[in-house]
Amino acid sequence: MSKLDKEPIRGLDDKETALLIDALTALRAERGKAWNIACDIAQVANKRPPELKRYGIDEITRLARRLGARKTHWLD
């Protein structure tokens, strides 16, 4: 775990934090859809699915947790 993972994000009020969490939730959903589509295309082409890492989903999840986002199915 890096130093950034341990430090809270400072300087945001409650409304800004809530807005950022909502934005991260929406971004995570869109990235998840894109990854699912890429996996479907790879399957049809009989190729390997793309790595999840390329879609930045882990980074989105970590940032949401640092902001105090409640656990959802994608944060578990």
Protein backbone atom coordinates (compact mmCIF):
# COMPACT_ATOMS: atom_id res chain seq x y z
CA MET A 1 0.00 0.00 0.00
CA SER A 2 1.40 3.36 -0.99
CA LYS A 3 1.45 6.48 1.14
CA LEU A 4 -1.39 7.95 -0.94
CA ASP A 5 -3.65 5.02 -0.09
CA LYS A 6 -3.33 5.83 3.61
CA GLU A 7 -3.82 9.59 3.53
CA PRO A 8 -7.32 11.05 3.52
CA ILE A 9 -8.32 13.46 0.81
CA ARG A 10 -8.48 16.90 2.36
CA GLY A 11 -9.98 20.23 1.46
CA LEU A 12 -13.38 19.02 0.24
CA ASP A 13 -16.64 19.91 1.92
CA ASP A 14 -19.45 17.35 2.27
CA LYS A 15 -21.22 18.43 -0.93
CA GLU A 16 -18.02 18.25 -2.95
CA THR A 17 -17.21 14.82 -1.53
CA ALA A 18 -20.71 13.55 -2.33
CA LEU A 19 -20.45 14.92 -5.87
CA LEU A 20 -17.07 13.30 -6.39
CA ILE A 21 -18.34 9.96 -5.09
CA ASP A 22 -21.31 10.16 -7.48
CA ALA A 23 -18.96 10.96 -10.34
CA LEU A 24 -16.70 8.04 -9.46
CA THR A 25 -19.71 5.73 -9.27
CA ALA A 26 -20.82 6.83 -12.74
CA LEU A 27 -17.27 6.49 -14.10
CA ARG A 28 -16.97 3.01 -12.61
CA ALA A 29 -20.26 1.99 -14.24
CA GLU A 30 -19.15 3.29 -17.65
CA ARG A 31 -15.73 1.66 -17.41
CA GLY A 32 -17.41 -1.60 -16.38
CA LYS A 33 -19.71 -1.45 -19.41
CA ALA A 34 -16.75 -0.76 -21.70
CA TRP A 35 -14.82 -3.70 -20.25
CA ASN A 36 -17.84 -6.00 -20.62
CA ILE A 37 -18.27 -4.98 -24.25
CA ALA A 38 -14.57 -5.54 -24.92
CA CYS A 39 -14.83 -9.00 -23.32
CA ASP A 40 -17.84 -9.86 -25.49
CA ILE A 41 -15.99 -8.74 -28.62
CA ALA A 42 -12.93 -10.76 -27.63
CA GLN A 43 -15.07 -13.84 -27.03
CA VAL A 44 -16.73 -13.55 -30.45
CA ALA A 45 -13.29 -13.15 -32.04
CA ASN A 46 -12.02 -16.12 -30.01
CA LYS A 47 -9.36 -13.95 -28.39
CA ARG A 48 -8.30 -13.30 -24.81
CA PRO A 49 -10.38 -10.77 -22.91
CA PRO A 50 -8.65 -7.48 -22.12
CA GLU A 51 -7.07 -7.01 -18.71
CA LEU A 52 -9.29 -5.22 -16.23
CA LYS A 53 -6.29 -3.11 -15.23
CA ARG A 54 -6.46 -1.27 -18.56
CA TYR A 55 -9.80 0.19 -17.55
CA GLY A 56 -8.62 1.77 -14.28
CA ILE A 57 -11.38 0.20 -12.22
CA ASP A 58 -9.13 -0.61 -9.26
CA GLU A 59 -7.95 3.00 -9.08
CA ILE A 60 -11.54 4.27 -9.17
CA THR A 61 -12.48 1.89 -6.35
CA ARG A 62 -9.51 2.95 -4.19
CA LEU A 63 -10.28 6.64 -4.62
CA ALA A 64 -13.94 6.12 -3.76
CA ARG A 65 -12.94 4.27 -0.60
CA ARG A 66 -10.56 7.09 0.36
CA LEU A 67 -13.47 9.49 0.03
CA GLY A 68 -15.56 7.34 2.35
CA ALA A 69 -17.92 5.89 -0.22
CA ARG A 70 -20.18 3.26 1.23
CA LYS A 71 -19.57 -0.22 -0.04
CA THR A 72 -21.54 -1.19 -3.10
CA HIS A 73 -21.27 -4.31 -5.16
CA TRP A 74 -18.31 -2.83 -7.02
CA LEU A 75 -16.50 -1.73 -3.88
CA ASP A 76 -16.66 -5.14 -2.18
